[in-house]
Amino acid sequence: VGDLVDVKETDRGSWVEASILNIYKDPQYLQEETPNNDGRVYCVRRLIVDEIVDCFVSLGEIRPRARIVLQFEDLHVGDTVMVNYNEEDPKARGHWYDLTVQHLDIVKKKKVVSGTLHFTRDSYLNNITITFSDEIMRIEENKLREEM
């Protein structure tokens, strides 16, 4: 409770900043623990533009807040990272999504990062070039507090 996290928006598939308000055991999910289900439901407060929204999410829709900006030199084909992308205008700021890196290049001193942009497990866009290649974030893994 109180941790700052990134939470998946189910309608858009993007990640938004939030904080954990409370954690509840959920009898519905206790039967089958998986990496995305720890038998708990997290009440989080999402911070979306000028709106505060409280909602309930499972472990698969929550992860520690991304805080480390990756340098171009640290990226590798196959990495999954968090990037800012706008579907309607790819040159403008948009929302934060996961991207699996498929291509890295430097063209006329410009760093080019492209790959597969993930909205949901079954919804994605291939061959997306990222405009803001200097703002690529490392995805933090869920860990027990003692391991942090």
N, C-alpha and C. Protein backbone atom coordinates (compact mmCIF):
# COMPACT_ATOMS: atom_id res chain seq x y z
N VAL A 1 0.85 -1.17 0.00
CA VAL A 1 0.00 0.00 0.00
C VAL A 1 0.89 1.24 0.00
N GLY A 2 0.55 2.18 -0.88
CA GLY A 2 1.33 3.41 -0.98
C GLY A 2 2.37 3.38 -2.09
N ASP A 3 2.68 2.20 -2.62
CA ASP A 3 3.67 2.12 -3.70
C ASP A 3 3.17 2.83 -4.95
N LEU A 4 4.11 3.44 -5.68
CA LEU A 4 3.81 4.05 -6.97
C LEU A 4 3.99 2.98 -8.04
N VAL A 5 3.01 2.86 -8.91
CA VAL A 5 2.99 1.77 -9.90
C VAL A 5 2.54 2.30 -11.25
N ASP A 6 2.73 1.48 -12.27
CA ASP A 6 2.12 1.68 -13.58
C ASP A 6 0.98 0.68 -13.69
N VAL A 7 -0.16 1.13 -14.19
CA VAL A 7 -1.35 0.28 -14.30
C VAL A 7 -1.82 0.28 -15.75
N LYS A 8 -2.18 -0.90 -16.22
CA LYS A 8 -2.65 -1.07 -17.60
C LYS A 8 -4.09 -0.58 -17.71
N GLU A 9 -4.33 0.30 -18.67
CA GLU A 9 -5.69 0.73 -18.97
C GLU A 9 -6.30 -0.31 -19.90
N THR A 10 -7.35 -0.96 -19.47
CA THR A 10 -7.91 -2.06 -20.24
C THR A 10 -8.55 -1.61 -21.55
N ASP A 11 -9.10 -0.41 -21.61
CA ASP A 11 -9.76 0.04 -22.84
C ASP A 11 -8.77 0.42 -23.93
N ARG A 12 -7.64 1.02 -23.57
CA ARG A 12 -6.67 1.50 -24.54
C ARG A 12 -5.44 0.61 -24.64
N GLY A 13 -5.12 -0.07 -23.55
CA GLY A 13 -3.92 -0.91 -23.53
C GLY A 13 -2.67 -0.16 -23.15
N SER A 14 -2.81 1.11 -22.79
CA SER A 14 -1.65 1.90 -22.39
C SER A 14 -1.42 1.78 -20.88
N TRP A 15 -0.28 2.28 -20.44
CA TRP A 15 0.08 2.26 -19.02
C TRP A 15 -0.02 3.67 -18.46
N VAL A 16 -0.61 3.81 -17.28
CA VAL A 16 -0.72 5.10 -16.61
C VAL A 16 -0.17 4.98 -15.19
N GLU A 17 0.24 6.12 -14.65
CA GLU A 17 0.77 6.13 -13.29
C GLU A 17 -0.35 6.02 -12.28
N ALA A 18 -0.05 5.35 -11.17
CA ALA A 18 -1.05 5.17 -10.12
C ALA A 18 -0.33 4.93 -8.80
N SER A 19 -1.12 4.89 -7.75
CA SER A 19 -0.59 4.50 -6.43
C SER A 19 -1.55 3.47 -5.84
N ILE A 20 -1.00 2.54 -5.07
CA ILE A 20 -1.82 1.49 -4.47
C ILE A 20 -2.49 2.04 -3.22
N LEU A 21 -3.82 1.96 -3.18
CA LEU A 21 -4.59 2.42 -2.02
C LEU A 21 -4.82 1.31 -1.01
N ASN A 22 -5.09 0.09 -1.54
CA ASN A 22 -5.37 -1.04 -0.66
C ASN A 22 -5.19 -2.34 -1.45
N ILE A 23 -5.04 -3.43 -0.72
CA ILE A 23 -4.89 -4.75 -1.32
C ILE A 23 -5.84 -5.70 -0.62
N TYR A 24 -6.61 -6.46 -1.41
CA TYR A 24 -7.59 -7.38 -0.86
C TYR A 24 -7.33 -8.79 -1.38
N LYS A 25 -7.59 -9.79 -0.54
CA LYS A 25 -7.59 -11.17 -1.02
C LYS A 25 -8.89 -11.37 -1.79
N ASP A 26 -8.78 -12.06 -2.90
CA ASP A 26 -9.95 -12.29 -3.74
C ASP A 26 -10.21 -13.78 -3.83
N PRO A 27 -11.23 -14.29 -3.16
CA PRO A 27 -11.52 -15.73 -3.17
C PRO A 27 -11.72 -16.28 -4.57
N GLN A 28 -12.19 -15.46 -5.49
CA GLN A 28 -12.42 -15.90 -6.86
C GLN A 28 -11.12 -16.30 -7.54
N TYR A 29 -10.00 -15.64 -7.18
CA TYR A 29 -8.73 -15.91 -7.85
C TYR A 29 -7.76 -16.73 -7.01
N LEU A 30 -8.10 -17.05 -5.79
CA LEU A 30 -7.18 -17.78 -4.92
C LEU A 30 -6.90 -19.21 -5.41
N GLN A 31 -7.81 -19.77 -6.19
CA GLN A 31 -7.67 -21.16 -6.60
C GLN A 31 -6.52 -21.38 -7.57
N GLU A 32 -6.23 -20.43 -8.44
CA GLU A 32 -5.24 -20.65 -9.48
C GLU A 32 -4.20 -19.53 -9.51
N GLU A 33 -3.13 -19.68 -8.75
CA GLU A 33 -2.08 -18.67 -8.76
C GLU A 33 -1.19 -18.85 -9.98
N THR A 34 -0.93 -17.74 -10.68
CA THR A 34 -0.06 -17.71 -11.86
C THR A 34 0.82 -16.47 -11.72
N PRO A 35 1.77 -16.28 -12.63
CA PRO A 35 2.58 -15.05 -12.56
C PRO A 35 1.76 -13.76 -12.66
N ASN A 36 0.57 -13.84 -13.28
CA ASN A 36 -0.28 -12.66 -13.39
C ASN A 36 -1.40 -12.62 -12.37
N ASN A 37 -1.43 -13.61 -11.48
CA ASN A 37 -2.51 -13.69 -10.49
C ASN A 37 -1.94 -14.20 -9.17
N ASP A 38 -1.95 -13.34 -8.18
CA ASP A 38 -1.44 -13.73 -6.86
C ASP A 38 -2.57 -13.90 -5.85
N GLY A 39 -3.83 -13.98 -6.35
CA GLY A 39 -4.97 -14.17 -5.47
C GLY A 39 -5.39 -12.90 -4.76
N ARG A 40 -4.92 -11.76 -5.25
CA ARG A 40 -5.25 -10.48 -4.64
C ARG A 40 -5.82 -9.52 -5.69
N VAL A 41 -6.56 -8.55 -5.20
CA VAL A 41 -7.06 -7.46 -6.03
C VAL A 41 -6.48 -6.18 -5.45
N TYR A 42 -5.97 -5.34 -6.33
CA TYR A 42 -5.32 -4.10 -5.92
C TYR A 42 -6.24 -2.92 -6.22
N CYS A 43 -6.54 -2.14 -5.20
CA CYS A 43 -7.29 -0.90 -5.39
C CYS A 43 -6.25 0.19 -5.64
N VAL A 44 -6.30 0.79 -6.82
CA VAL A 44 -5.31 1.80 -7.19
C VAL A 44 -5.99 3.12 -7.55
N ARG A 45 -5.24 4.18 -7.39
CA ARG A 45 -5.70 5.50 -7.81
C ARG A 45 -4.88 5.89 -9.02
N ARG A 46 -5.54 5.91 -10.19
CA ARG A 46 -4.87 6.27 -11.45
C ARG A 46 -4.85 7.78 -11.59
N LEU A 47 -3.75 8.28 -12.10
CA LEU A 47 -3.59 9.71 -12.32
C LEU A 47 -3.60 9.95 -13.83
N ILE A 48 -4.76 10.28 -14.37
CA ILE A 48 -4.92 10.45 -15.81
C ILE A 48 -5.22 11.91 -16.10
N VAL A 49 -4.29 12.59 -16.75
CA VAL A 49 -4.38 14.01 -17.07
C VAL A 49 -4.86 14.77 -15.84
N ASP A 50 -6.03 15.38 -15.87
CA ASP A 50 -6.54 16.14 -14.72
C ASP A 50 -7.59 15.36 -13.95
N GLU A 51 -7.60 14.05 -14.13
CA GLU A 51 -8.65 13.21 -13.55
C GLU A 51 -8.04 12.15 -12.63
N ILE A 52 -8.65 11.96 -11.48
CA ILE A 52 -8.22 10.91 -10.56
C ILE A 52 -9.28 9.83 -10.58
N VAL A 53 -8.86 8.59 -10.86
CA VAL A 53 -9.80 7.48 -10.98
C VAL A 53 -9.34 6.34 -10.09
N ASP A 54 -10.21 5.87 -9.20
CA ASP A 54 -9.91 4.71 -8.38
C ASP A 54 -10.51 3.48 -9.06
N CYS A 55 -9.73 2.39 -9.10
CA CYS A 55 -10.24 1.18 -9.73
C CYS A 55 -9.56 -0.04 -9.10
N PHE A 56 -10.06 -1.22 -9.44
CA PHE A 56 -9.51 -2.48 -8.96
C PHE A 56 -8.84 -3.21 -10.12
N VAL A 57 -7.63 -3.72 -9.87
CA VAL A 57 -6.87 -4.42 -10.91
C VAL A 57 -6.23 -5.66 -10.31
N SER A 58 -5.85 -6.59 -11.20
CA SER A 58 -5.13 -7.79 -10.76
C SER A 58 -3.64 -7.58 -10.94
N LEU A 59 -2.84 -8.51 -10.48
CA LEU A 59 -1.39 -8.41 -10.56
C LEU A 59 -0.90 -8.28 -12.01
N GLY A 60 -1.59 -8.91 -12.96
CA GLY A 60 -1.19 -8.84 -14.36
C GLY A 60 -1.38 -7.47 -14.98
N GLU A 61 -2.10 -6.58 -14.30
CA GLU A 61 -2.36 -5.24 -14.83
C GLU A 61 -1.60 -4.16 -14.06
N ILE A 62 -0.60 -4.58 -13.28
CA ILE A 62 0.10 -3.65 -12.42
C ILE A 62 1.58 -4.02 -12.38
N ARG A 63 2.44 -3.02 -12.31
CA ARG A 63 3.88 -3.26 -12.16
C ARG A 63 4.51 -2.02 -11.53
N PRO A 64 5.71 -2.17 -10.95
CA PRO A 64 6.35 -1.00 -10.36
C PRO A 64 6.53 0.11 -11.40
N ARG A 65 6.45 1.34 -10.93
CA ARG A 65 6.56 2.49 -11.83
C ARG A 65 7.88 2.47 -12.58
N ALA A 66 7.81 2.66 -13.89
CA ALA A 66 9.02 2.76 -14.71
C ALA A 66 9.73 4.06 -14.33
N ARG A 67 11.02 3.97 -14.05
CA ARG A 67 11.74 5.16 -13.61
C ARG A 67 13.12 5.29 -14.26
N ILE A 68 13.56 4.27 -14.97
CA ILE A 68 14.89 4.30 -15.57
C ILE A 68 14.77 4.49 -17.08
N VAL A 69 15.36 5.61 -17.55
CA VAL A 69 15.39 5.88 -18.98
C VAL A 69 16.58 5.12 -19.57
N LEU A 70 16.29 4.34 -20.61
CA LEU A 70 17.34 3.55 -21.25
C LEU A 70 18.04 4.36 -22.34
N GLN A 71 19.35 4.23 -22.40
CA GLN A 71 20.13 4.85 -23.46
C GLN A 71 20.03 3.98 -24.71
N PHE A 72 20.14 4.57 -25.86
CA PHE A 72 20.07 3.84 -27.12
C PHE A 72 21.06 2.68 -27.13
N GLU A 73 22.25 2.92 -26.58
CA GLU A 73 23.30 1.90 -26.56
C GLU A 73 22.94 0.69 -25.71
N ASP A 74 22.00 0.85 -24.79
CA ASP A 74 21.60 -0.24 -23.89
C ASP A 74 20.46 -1.09 -24.46
N LEU A 75 19.89 -0.67 -25.59
CA LEU A 75 18.78 -1.40 -26.20
C LEU A 75 19.29 -2.55 -27.06
N HIS A 76 18.53 -3.63 -27.11
CA HIS A 76 18.86 -4.79 -27.93
C HIS A 76 17.60 -5.29 -28.63
N VAL A 77 17.76 -5.84 -29.80
CA VAL A 77 16.64 -6.45 -30.51
C VAL A 77 16.09 -7.56 -29.60
N GLY A 78 14.77 -7.58 -29.43
CA GLY A 78 14.12 -8.56 -28.56
C GLY A 78 13.73 -8.00 -27.20
N ASP A 79 14.32 -6.86 -26.81
CA ASP A 79 13.96 -6.22 -25.53
C ASP A 79 12.51 -5.75 -25.58
N THR A 80 11.81 -5.83 -24.45
CA THR A 80 10.49 -5.21 -24.33
C THR A 80 10.65 -4.03 -23.38
N VAL A 81 10.26 -2.86 -23.86
CA VAL A 81 10.45 -1.61 -23.14
C VAL A 81 9.15 -0.81 -23.18
N MET A 82 9.10 0.30 -22.44
CA MET A 82 7.93 1.15 -22.44
C MET A 82 8.25 2.43 -23.22
N VAL A 83 7.37 2.77 -24.16
CA VAL A 83 7.60 3.91 -25.04
C VAL A 83 6.35 4.79 -25.12
N ASN A 84 6.55 6.04 -25.52
CA ASN A 84 5.43 6.95 -25.72
C ASN A 84 5.07 6.93 -27.20
N TYR A 85 3.78 6.72 -27.51
CA TYR A 85 3.34 6.63 -28.89
C TYR A 85 1.92 7.17 -29.02
N ASN A 86 1.68 7.86 -30.13
CA ASN A 86 0.37 8.42 -30.43
C ASN A 86 -0.14 7.77 -31.71
N GLU A 87 -1.19 6.98 -31.61
CA GLU A 87 -1.75 6.28 -32.77
C GLU A 87 -2.25 7.23 -33.85
N GLU A 88 -2.87 8.33 -33.43
CA GLU A 88 -3.47 9.25 -34.39
C GLU A 88 -2.44 10.15 -35.06
N ASP A 89 -1.39 10.50 -34.33
CA ASP A 89 -0.32 11.36 -34.87
C ASP A 89 1.01 10.87 -34.31
N PRO A 90 1.67 9.94 -35.00
CA PRO A 90 2.89 9.32 -34.48
C PRO A 90 4.03 10.28 -34.14
N LYS A 91 3.98 11.51 -34.63
CA LYS A 91 5.02 12.48 -34.31
C LYS A 91 4.71 13.27 -33.03
N ALA A 92 3.51 13.12 -32.51
CA ALA A 92 3.08 13.84 -31.31
C ALA A 92 3.16 12.93 -30.08
N ARG A 93 3.14 13.52 -28.91
CA ARG A 93 3.10 12.76 -27.67
C ARG A 93 1.78 12.01 -27.58
N GLY A 94 1.83 10.86 -26.95
CA GLY A 94 0.63 10.05 -26.84
C GLY A 94 0.54 9.38 -25.49
N HIS A 95 0.41 8.07 -25.51
CA HIS A 95 0.29 7.27 -24.30
C HIS A 95 1.48 6.33 -24.20
N TRP A 96 1.63 5.70 -23.04
CA TRP A 96 2.75 4.80 -22.81
C TRP A 96 2.33 3.36 -23.07
N TYR A 97 3.11 2.68 -23.92
CA TYR A 97 2.83 1.31 -24.31
C TYR A 97 4.10 0.46 -24.21
N ASP A 98 3.91 -0.86 -24.20
CA ASP A 98 5.04 -1.77 -24.30
C ASP A 98 5.41 -1.93 -25.78
N LEU A 99 6.70 -2.01 -26.04
CA LEU A 99 7.20 -2.21 -27.40
C LEU A 99 8.28 -3.27 -27.36
N THR A 100 8.18 -4.26 -28.24
CA THR A 100 9.25 -5.23 -28.41
C THR A 100 10.13 -4.73 -29.54
N VAL A 101 11.39 -4.46 -29.22
CA VAL A 101 12.34 -3.88 -30.18
C VAL A 101 12.66 -4.90 -31.27
N GLN A 102 12.48 -4.48 -32.52
CA GLN A 102 12.80 -5.34 -33.67
C GLN A 102 13.93 -4.78 -34.52
N HIS A 103 14.16 -3.46 -34.42
CA HIS A 103 15.17 -2.85 -35.27
C HIS A 103 15.78 -1.63 -34.57
N LEU A 104 17.10 -1.53 -34.61
CA LEU A 104 17.83 -0.39 -34.07
C LEU A 104 18.78 0.10 -35.15
N ASP A 105 18.83 1.42 -35.35
CA ASP A 105 19.70 1.96 -36.38
C ASP A 105 20.00 3.43 -36.06
N ILE A 106 21.06 3.94 -36.66
CA ILE A 106 21.37 5.36 -36.59
C ILE A 106 21.44 5.85 -38.03
N VAL A 107 20.53 6.78 -38.36
CA VAL A 107 20.44 7.31 -39.72
C VAL A 107 20.66 8.82 -39.63
N LYS A 108 21.74 9.29 -40.26
CA LYS A 108 22.06 10.73 -40.24
C LYS A 108 22.05 11.28 -38.82
N LYS A 109 22.72 10.59 -37.93
CA LYS A 109 22.86 10.94 -36.51
C LYS A 109 21.56 10.83 -35.71
N LYS A 110 20.49 10.36 -36.34
CA LYS A 110 19.22 10.17 -35.64
C LYS A 110 19.09 8.71 -35.23
N LYS A 111 18.76 8.49 -33.94
CA LYS A 111 18.60 7.13 -33.42
C LYS A 111 17.19 6.64 -33.76
N VAL A 112 17.14 5.50 -34.44
CA VAL A 112 15.86 4.94 -34.90
C VAL A 112 15.59 3.64 -34.15
N VAL A 113 14.43 3.61 -33.48
CA VAL A 113 13.99 2.42 -32.75
C VAL A 113 12.63 2.05 -33.30
N SER A 114 12.48 0.80 -33.73
CA SER A 114 11.18 0.36 -34.21
C SER A 114 10.91 -1.05 -33.71
N GLY A 115 9.62 -1.42 -33.75
CA GLY A 115 9.26 -2.74 -33.26
C GLY A 115 7.77 -2.95 -33.24
N THR A 116 7.34 -3.88 -32.40
CA THR A 116 5.93 -4.23 -32.25
C THR A 116 5.38 -3.56 -31.01
N LEU A 117 4.35 -2.74 -31.20
CA LEU A 117 3.70 -2.03 -30.11
C LEU A 117 2.55 -2.88 -29.59
N HIS A 118 2.51 -3.13 -28.29
CA HIS A 118 1.50 -4.02 -27.70
C HIS A 118 0.41 -3.21 -26.99
N PHE A 119 -0.83 -3.47 -27.37
CA PHE A 119 -1.98 -2.86 -26.69
C PHE A 119 -2.52 -3.84 -25.65
N THR A 120 -2.88 -5.03 -26.12
CA THR A 120 -3.32 -6.11 -25.25
C THR A 120 -2.57 -7.35 -25.69
N ARG A 121 -2.84 -8.46 -25.06
CA ARG A 121 -2.17 -9.72 -25.43
C ARG A 121 -2.38 -10.06 -26.91
N ASP A 122 -3.57 -9.77 -27.42
CA ASP A 122 -3.91 -10.15 -28.80
C ASP A 122 -3.98 -8.96 -29.76
N SER A 123 -3.68 -7.76 -29.29
CA SER A 123 -3.79 -6.57 -30.12
C SER A 123 -2.46 -5.83 -30.15
N TYR A 124 -1.91 -5.66 -31.35
CA TYR A 124 -0.60 -5.03 -31.49
C TYR A 124 -0.45 -4.42 -32.88
N LEU A 125 0.56 -3.56 -33.02
CA LEU A 125 0.92 -2.98 -34.31
C LEU A 125 2.37 -3.31 -34.59
N ASN A 126 2.66 -3.82 -35.78
CA ASN A 126 4.03 -4.14 -36.18
C ASN A 126 4.68 -2.94 -36.87
N ASN A 127 6.01 -2.95 -36.89
CA ASN A 127 6.81 -1.97 -37.62
C ASN A 127 6.52 -0.52 -37.23
N ILE A 128 6.40 -0.27 -35.95
CA ILE A 128 6.17 1.08 -35.44
C ILE A 128 7.52 1.72 -35.17
N THR A 129 7.74 2.92 -35.69
CA THR A 129 8.97 3.67 -35.40
C THR A 129 8.65 4.67 -34.29
N ILE A 130 9.49 4.70 -33.28
CA ILE A 130 9.27 5.54 -32.11
C ILE A 130 9.87 6.93 -32.34
N THR A 131 9.07 7.96 -32.17
CA THR A 131 9.52 9.34 -32.35
C THR A 131 10.43 9.77 -31.21
N PHE A 132 10.06 9.42 -29.99
CA PHE A 132 10.80 9.89 -28.81
C PHE A 132 11.77 8.81 -28.34
N SER A 133 12.80 8.56 -29.15
CA SER A 133 13.74 7.48 -28.85
C SER A 133 14.65 7.78 -27.67
N ASP A 134 14.62 9.02 -27.17
CA ASP A 134 15.41 9.36 -25.99
C ASP A 134 14.60 9.25 -24.69
N GLU A 135 13.36 8.75 -24.80
CA GLU A 135 12.49 8.58 -23.64
C GLU A 135 11.97 7.16 -23.55
N ILE A 136 12.83 6.20 -23.74
CA ILE A 136 12.44 4.80 -23.66
C ILE A 136 12.72 4.31 -22.24
N MET A 137 11.71 3.73 -21.62
CA MET A 137 11.80 3.36 -20.21
C MET A 137 11.97 1.84 -20.04
N ARG A 138 12.76 1.49 -19.03
CA ARG A 138 12.90 0.08 -18.68
C ARG A 138 11.63 -0.35 -17.93
N ILE A 139 11.13 -1.53 -18.25
CA ILE A 139 9.96 -2.08 -17.56
C ILE A 139 10.46 -2.75 -16.29
N GLU A 140 9.89 -2.36 -15.17
CA GLU A 140 10.28 -2.92 -13.88
C GLU A 140 9.47 -4.19 -13.62
N GLU A 141 10.12 -5.19 -13.07
CA GLU A 141 9.46 -6.46 -12.75
C GLU A 141 8.83 -6.39 -11.37
N ASN A 142 7.73 -7.10 -11.18
CA ASN A 142 7.12 -7.21 -9.86
C ASN A 142 8.05 -7.99 -8.95
N LYS A 143 8.29 -7.44 -7.75
CA LYS A 143 9.15 -8.10 -6.76
C LYS A 143 8.52 -7.93 -5.38
N LEU A 144 8.85 -8.85 -4.50
CA LEU A 144 8.45 -8.69 -3.11
C LEU A 144 9.19 -7.50 -2.53
N ARG A 145 8.58 -6.81 -1.59
CA ARG A 145 9.19 -5.62 -0.98
C ARG A 145 10.59 -5.95 -0.44
N GLU A 146 10.77 -7.14 0.13
CA GLU A 146 12.07 -7.51 0.70
C GLU A 146 13.15 -7.60 -0.37
N GLU A 147 12.75 -7.86 -1.63
CA GLU A 147 13.71 -7.99 -2.72
C GLU A 147 14.04 -6.66 -3.38
N MET A 148 13.27 -5.62 -3.06
CA MET A 148 13.49 -4.32 -3.70
C MET A 148 14.67 -3.60 -3.11
